[in-house]
Amino acid sequence: MFTTGELILQQLVNGLIMGSFYALVALGFTMVYGIIKLINFAHGDIYMVGAFISFVTFGVFSYFSDGVLGVILAVIASMIFCAALGFAIQRVAYKPLFDAPRLSLLITAVGVSLIVHNAVMVQTGGQFMFFQSSIDNTAGFPITENITITHVQIFMFIITAALMAGLTWFIGRTMWGKAMRAISQDKDACRLMGINVNKVIGLTFMIGSALAAIAGGMAVVYYGQVHFFMGYMIGMKAFTAAVIGGIGSIPGAMLGGLLLGVLEAAGTQITGSAWSDVFAFGILIIMLLFRPNGIMGKTTIERM
């Protein structure tokens, strides 16, 4: 029987793990929005593709190692594939519309999402696929008599924290990161200064897609299954996390993802799992009503 303290601790762990998924996917949303003001609705489907690529390539690498090494190699392969896919989507579907009204880009993003979603559905027959490896998801460190923090959970949280720290350093310290921040302010001025705007935008899509692929690979290991619909809901919740944190803000996306995960876990404990999605999107409505710019978002003035 769980005590009240154990329930709180268990839901906190669950919330941080789920929040890690939200944060990694939300980073892609917020990076793309920060540069070209596009809500890339296809991003959740990139996460789903990353999960399937990790699943398939692990089947190949499992001949050499069906443990941690095989998973790492599979996720790396997924990152490369999804980075290339994100770049291709940007180049084919979005680049010709950069100077078009934003509504055109938004509609195109919805169309790309449907194409990717349905393409995977056709290829997989809409079936659930189950992941098996030699990794023990139950082994870990016992915190109390009833609660154990598993090695997989610790490893996932460390990887997520390292990726977030690395991305923060990349955006804040490197020339590519400074170029991204400059383009988010004024693309035309950046072109005049000799910055290759299209190349920087392409890199942004590649990084965001690679992060989504990592989240997809971790989800395969953690949940043990993949299906074509898995990208839709996490895409919506990652977008919610980006809005809560302040869309366009890298630290905000991280904070929003973790906060949404913890709040959703707490709400699930109170109201039941059937209401978890209602609770998550209820938080979004409240945030839009009282702080539409998000926790770390800034009010911007449109130039005429």
Protein backbone atom coordinates (compact mmCIF):
# COMPACT_ATOMS: atom_id res chain seq x y z
CA MET A 1 0.00 0.00 0.00
CA PHE A 2 1.42 3.35 -1.04
CA THR A 3 1.65 6.12 1.52
CA THR A 4 0.81 9.71 0.57
CA GLY A 5 4.49 10.60 0.40
CA GLU A 6 5.21 7.62 -1.85
CA LEU A 7 2.38 8.56 -4.19
CA ILE A 8 3.73 12.11 -4.49
CA LEU A 9 7.25 10.83 -5.16
CA GLN A 10 6.05 8.27 -7.72
CA GLN A 11 4.00 10.83 -9.62
CA LEU A 12 6.91 13.27 -9.53
CA VAL A 13 9.18 10.68 -11.15
CA ASN A 14 6.50 9.81 -13.72
CA GLY A 15 5.94 13.48 -14.45
CA LEU A 16 9.62 14.24 -14.96
CA ILE A 17 10.01 11.32 -17.37
CA MET A 18 6.94 12.31 -19.40
CA GLY A 19 8.04 15.93 -19.21
CA SER A 20 11.38 14.94 -20.71
CA PHE A 21 9.58 13.65 -23.81
CA TYR A 22 7.49 16.80 -24.03
CA ALA A 23 10.53 19.04 -23.59
CA LEU A 24 12.62 17.36 -26.32
CA VAL A 25 9.77 17.61 -28.84
CA ALA A 26 8.82 21.12 -27.69
CA LEU A 27 12.37 22.30 -28.42
CA GLY A 28 11.80 21.59 -32.11
CA PHE A 29 8.52 23.51 -32.07
CA THR A 30 10.02 26.53 -30.37
CA MET A 31 13.20 26.64 -32.48
CA VAL A 32 11.27 26.64 -35.75
CA TYR A 33 8.72 29.15 -34.49
CA GLY A 34 11.45 31.42 -33.17
CA ILE A 35 13.08 31.67 -36.61
CA ILE A 36 10.28 31.59 -39.20
CA LYS A 37 7.17 31.96 -36.99
CA LEU A 38 5.85 28.59 -38.14
CA ILE A 39 3.96 26.16 -35.91
CA ASN A 40 5.30 22.96 -37.46
CA PHE A 41 2.42 20.56 -36.89
CA ALA A 42 4.41 17.82 -38.65
CA HIS A 43 6.91 17.79 -35.79
CA GLY A 44 4.96 15.25 -33.73
CA ASP A 45 4.99 12.95 -36.74
CA ILE A 46 8.78 13.29 -36.95
CA TYR A 47 8.84 11.96 -33.37
CA MET A 48 6.69 9.02 -34.50
CA VAL A 49 8.96 8.33 -37.49
CA GLY A 50 11.97 8.45 -35.17
CA ALA A 51 10.36 5.83 -32.94
CA PHE A 52 9.73 3.53 -35.91
CA ILE A 53 13.25 3.99 -37.31
CA SER A 54 14.71 3.18 -33.88
CA PHE A 55 12.47 0.12 -33.69
CA VAL A 56 13.46 -1.15 -37.15
CA THR A 57 17.18 -0.42 -36.93
CA PHE A 58 17.37 -2.00 -33.47
CA GLY A 59 16.20 -5.21 -35.13
CA VAL A 60 19.30 -5.01 -37.31
CA PHE A 61 21.74 -4.00 -34.59
CA SER A 62 20.33 -6.60 -32.17
CA TYR A 63 22.27 -9.26 -34.09
CA PHE A 64 25.38 -7.63 -32.59
CA SER A 65 23.91 -6.33 -29.33
CA ASP A 66 20.33 -6.45 -28.04
CA GLY A 67 21.18 -4.29 -25.05
CA VAL A 68 22.20 -0.69 -24.43
CA LEU A 69 24.71 -0.57 -27.30
CA GLY A 70 22.08 -1.74 -29.78
CA VAL A 71 19.63 0.90 -28.55
CA ILE A 72 22.24 3.67 -28.80
CA LEU A 73 23.15 2.68 -32.36
CA ALA A 74 19.46 2.52 -33.30
CA VAL A 75 18.77 5.99 -31.87
CA ILE A 76 21.80 7.43 -33.70
CA ALA A 77 20.50 5.95 -36.96
CA SER A 78 17.08 7.43 -36.18
CA MET A 79 18.61 10.86 -35.52
CA ILE A 80 20.40 10.84 -38.88
CA PHE A 81 17.29 9.72 -40.77
CA CYS A 82 14.96 12.21 -39.07
CA ALA A 83 17.43 15.08 -39.45
CA ALA A 84 17.52 14.36 -43.18
CA LEU A 85 13.71 14.05 -43.25
CA GLY A 86 13.27 17.35 -41.42
CA PHE A 87 15.66 19.08 -43.82
CA ALA A 88 13.84 17.59 -46.84
CA ILE A 89 10.44 18.70 -45.52
CA GLN A 90 11.76 22.19 -44.95
CA ARG A 91 13.34 22.39 -48.38
CA VAL A 92 10.40 20.95 -50.37
CA ALA A 93 7.32 22.07 -48.44
CA TYR A 94 8.25 25.18 -46.46
CA LYS A 95 11.08 27.02 -48.21
CA PRO A 96 9.00 28.05 -51.28
CA LEU A 97 6.49 29.66 -48.88
CA PHE A 98 8.84 31.60 -46.58
CA ASP A 99 7.68 34.91 -48.10
CA ALA A 100 4.04 33.85 -48.37
CA PRO A 101 1.38 34.71 -45.75
CA ARG A 102 1.78 32.73 -42.54
CA LEU A 103 -1.54 31.02 -43.05
CA SER A 104 -0.14 29.34 -46.17
CA LEU A 105 2.75 27.91 -44.15
CA LEU A 106 0.38 26.76 -41.42
CA ILE A 107 -1.89 24.93 -43.85
CA THR A 108 1.15 23.36 -45.51
CA ALA A 109 2.38 22.12 -42.12
CA VAL A 110 -0.97 20.43 -41.50
CA GLY A 111 -0.76 18.83 -44.96
CA VAL A 112 2.76 17.55 -44.35
CA SER A 113 1.63 16.09 -41.03
CA LEU A 114 -1.19 14.20 -42.72
CA ILE A 115 1.13 12.90 -45.45
CA VAL A 116 3.72 11.56 -42.98
CA HIS A 117 1.06 10.19 -40.63
CA ASN A 118 -0.83 8.32 -43.34
CA ALA A 119 2.33 7.10 -45.08
CA VAL A 120 3.47 5.36 -41.89
CA MET A 121 -0.04 4.02 -41.30
CA VAL A 122 -0.07 2.41 -44.76
CA GLN A 123 3.42 0.96 -44.34
CA THR A 124 2.64 -0.57 -40.95
CA GLY A 125 -0.97 -1.55 -41.62
CA GLY A 126 -1.99 0.51 -38.60
CA GLN A 127 -0.70 -2.23 -36.29
CA PHE A 128 0.95 -1.86 -32.90
CA MET A 129 4.52 -3.17 -32.86
CA PHE A 130 6.18 -4.34 -29.66
CA PHE A 131 9.79 -3.80 -28.66
CA GLN A 132 11.87 -6.46 -26.90
CA SER A 133 15.46 -6.25 -25.72
CA SER A 134 17.70 -7.57 -22.98
CA ILE A 135 17.36 -4.28 -21.07
CA ASP A 136 15.63 -4.78 -17.72
CA ASN A 137 13.15 -1.92 -17.27
CA THR A 138 12.49 -2.88 -13.65
CA ALA A 139 16.06 -2.88 -12.29
CA GLY A 140 17.08 0.23 -10.40
CA PHE A 141 17.57 1.88 -7.05
CA PRO A 142 14.88 1.33 -4.39
CA ILE A 143 13.89 4.65 -2.84
CA THR A 144 11.22 3.29 -0.52
CA GLU A 145 9.67 -0.11 0.04
CA ASN A 146 7.25 0.41 -2.86
CA ILE A 147 9.13 2.78 -5.18
CA THR A 148 12.14 2.05 -7.35
CA ILE A 149 13.76 4.53 -9.74
CA THR A 150 14.91 2.37 -12.60
CA HIS A 151 18.21 2.60 -14.43
CA VAL A 152 16.31 3.34 -17.65
CA GLN A 153 14.53 6.32 -16.04
CA ILE A 154 17.78 7.70 -14.66
CA PHE A 155 19.57 7.25 -17.98
CA MET A 156 16.74 8.93 -19.89
CA PHE A 157 16.65 11.91 -17.55
CA ILE A 158 20.43 12.35 -17.72
CA ILE A 159 20.38 12.20 -21.53
CA THR A 160 17.56 14.75 -21.66
CA ALA A 161 19.33 17.12 -19.27
CA ALA A 162 22.59 16.81 -21.24
CA LEU A 163 20.81 17.51 -24.54
CA MET A 164 19.07 20.56 -23.10
CA ALA A 165 22.32 21.90 -21.68
CA GLY A 166 24.13 21.24 -24.96
CA LEU A 167 21.46 22.99 -27.00
CA THR A 168 21.48 25.98 -24.65
CA TRP A 169 25.25 26.24 -25.07
CA PHE A 170 24.97 25.84 -28.86
CA ILE A 171 22.35 28.58 -29.20
CA GLY A 172 24.10 30.95 -26.82
CA ARG A 173 27.79 30.45 -27.61
CA THR A 174 28.36 29.29 -31.17
CA MET A 175 28.26 31.31 -34.39
CA TRP A 176 25.47 29.10 -35.74
CA GLY A 177 23.43 29.73 -32.61
CA LYS A 178 24.03 33.47 -32.82
CA ALA A 179 22.96 33.37 -36.47
CA MET A 180 19.72 31.64 -35.44
CA ARG A 181 19.02 34.30 -32.85
CA ALA A 182 19.80 37.05 -35.33
CA ILE A 183 17.50 35.57 -37.98
CA SER A 184 14.69 35.38 -35.44
CA GLN A 185 15.02 39.16 -35.07
CA ASP A 186 15.39 40.25 -38.71
CA LYS A 187 15.96 37.89 -41.66
CA ASP A 188 16.46 40.69 -44.20
CA ALA A 189 19.16 42.38 -42.15
CA CYS A 190 20.90 39.02 -41.72
CA ARG A 191 20.97 38.54 -45.50
CA LEU A 192 22.55 41.97 -45.88
CA MET A 193 25.19 40.96 -43.32
CA GLY A 194 26.13 37.89 -45.38
CA ILE A 195 24.39 35.22 -43.31
CA ASN A 196 23.11 32.28 -45.34
CA VAL A 197 19.57 32.38 -43.96
CA ASN A 198 18.31 29.29 -45.78
CA LYS A 199 21.23 27.19 -44.55
CA VAL A 200 20.64 28.27 -40.93
CA ILE A 201 16.92 27.55 -41.19
CA GLY A 202 17.71 24.10 -42.63
CA LEU A 203 20.07 23.42 -39.73
CA THR A 204 17.34 24.44 -37.29
CA PHE A 205 14.94 21.89 -38.76
CA MET A 206 17.64 19.22 -38.66
CA ILE A 207 18.44 19.83 -34.98
CA GLY A 208 14.77 19.91 -33.97
CA SER A 209 14.05 16.71 -35.92
CA ALA A 210 17.06 14.93 -34.39
CA LEU A 211 15.87 15.84 -30.88
CA ALA A 212 12.39 14.49 -31.70
CA ALA A 213 14.02 11.28 -32.98
CA ILE A 214 15.87 10.86 -29.68
CA ALA A 215 12.58 11.28 -27.80
CA GLY A 216 10.98 8.70 -30.10
CA GLY A 217 13.81 6.24 -29.52
CA MET A 218 13.55 6.66 -25.76
CA ALA A 219 9.78 6.15 -25.93
CA VAL A 220 10.29 2.82 -27.73
CA VAL A 221 12.51 1.55 -24.93
CA TYR A 222 10.41 2.98 -22.11
CA TYR A 223 6.93 1.98 -23.31
CA GLY A 224 7.92 -1.07 -25.34
CA GLN A 225 5.65 -0.37 -28.30
CA VAL A 226 5.23 1.87 -31.34
CA HIS A 227 2.22 2.77 -33.46
CA PHE A 228 1.44 5.27 -36.20
CA PHE A 229 -0.81 7.44 -33.99
CA MET A 230 1.74 8.01 -31.22
CA GLY A 231 3.01 11.27 -32.70
CA TYR A 232 -0.30 13.12 -32.75
CA MET A 233 -0.95 13.43 -29.04
CA ILE A 234 2.63 14.05 -27.96
CA GLY A 235 2.90 16.64 -30.73
CA MET A 236 -0.12 18.48 -29.34
CA LYS A 237 1.18 18.26 -25.79
CA ALA A 238 4.68 19.35 -26.80
CA PHE A 239 3.12 22.34 -28.52
CA THR A 240 1.20 22.98 -25.29
CA ALA A 241 4.47 22.79 -23.36
CA ALA A 242 6.10 25.26 -25.75
CA VAL A 243 3.20 27.69 -25.27
CA ILE A 244 3.29 27.31 -21.49
CA GLY A 245 7.02 27.98 -21.38
CA GLY A 246 6.83 30.78 -23.93
CA ILE A 247 6.99 29.68 -27.56
CA GLY A 248 10.20 30.88 -29.16
CA SER A 249 12.15 30.53 -25.90
CA ILE A 250 14.54 27.57 -25.59
CA PRO A 251 14.63 27.60 -21.76
CA GLY A 252 10.87 28.11 -21.82
CA ALA A 253 10.33 24.96 -23.89
CA MET A 254 12.43 22.96 -21.42
CA LEU A 255 10.62 24.39 -18.40
CA GLY A 256 7.21 24.06 -20.04
CA GLY A 257 7.79 20.41 -20.93
CA LEU A 258 8.89 19.39 -17.45
CA LEU A 259 6.18 21.47 -15.78
CA LEU A 260 3.44 20.04 -18.00
CA GLY A 261 4.65 16.50 -17.31
CA VAL A 262 4.59 17.00 -13.54
CA LEU A 263 1.22 18.78 -13.56
CA GLU A 264 -0.30 16.13 -15.82
CA ALA A 265 0.96 13.36 -13.54
CA ALA A 266 -0.50 15.15 -10.52
CA GLY A 267 -3.80 15.70 -12.29
CA THR A 268 -3.93 12.05 -13.36
CA GLN A 269 -3.49 10.98 -9.75
CA ILE A 270 -6.37 13.20 -8.68
CA THR A 271 -8.84 12.77 -11.55
CA GLY A 272 -7.78 9.44 -13.10
CA SER A 273 -5.93 8.57 -16.28
CA ALA A 274 -9.05 9.01 -18.45
CA TRP A 275 -8.89 12.76 -17.74
CA SER A 276 -5.15 13.25 -18.29
CA ASP A 277 -5.51 14.85 -21.73
CA VAL A 278 -8.36 17.07 -20.54
CA PHE A 279 -6.21 18.22 -17.63
CA ALA A 280 -3.21 18.96 -19.88
CA PHE A 281 -5.17 21.04 -22.37
CA GLY A 282 -7.05 22.71 -19.54
CA ILE A 283 -3.69 24.03 -18.35
CA LEU A 284 -3.11 25.41 -21.86
CA ILE A 285 -6.44 27.28 -21.81
CA ILE A 286 -5.72 28.75 -18.40
CA MET A 287 -2.25 29.83 -19.54
CA LEU A 288 -3.63 31.50 -22.67
CA LEU A 289 -6.23 33.34 -20.60
CA PHE A 290 -3.91 34.69 -17.93
CA ARG A 291 -0.43 34.69 -19.48
CA PRO A 292 -0.67 34.25 -23.27
CA ASN A 293 3.07 34.88 -23.77
CA GLY A 294 4.01 31.96 -21.52
CA ILE A 295 6.18 31.80 -18.44
CA MET A 296 9.38 32.95 -20.16
CA GLY A 297 7.87 34.50 -23.30
CA LYS A 298 8.23 38.16 -24.17
CA THR A 299 5.74 40.55 -25.65
CA THR A 300 6.72 41.38 -29.22
CA ILE A 301 5.67 44.30 -31.36
CA GLU A 302 4.95 43.61 -35.01
CA ARG A 303 6.77 45.97 -37.38
CA MET A 304 4.67 47.57 -40.08
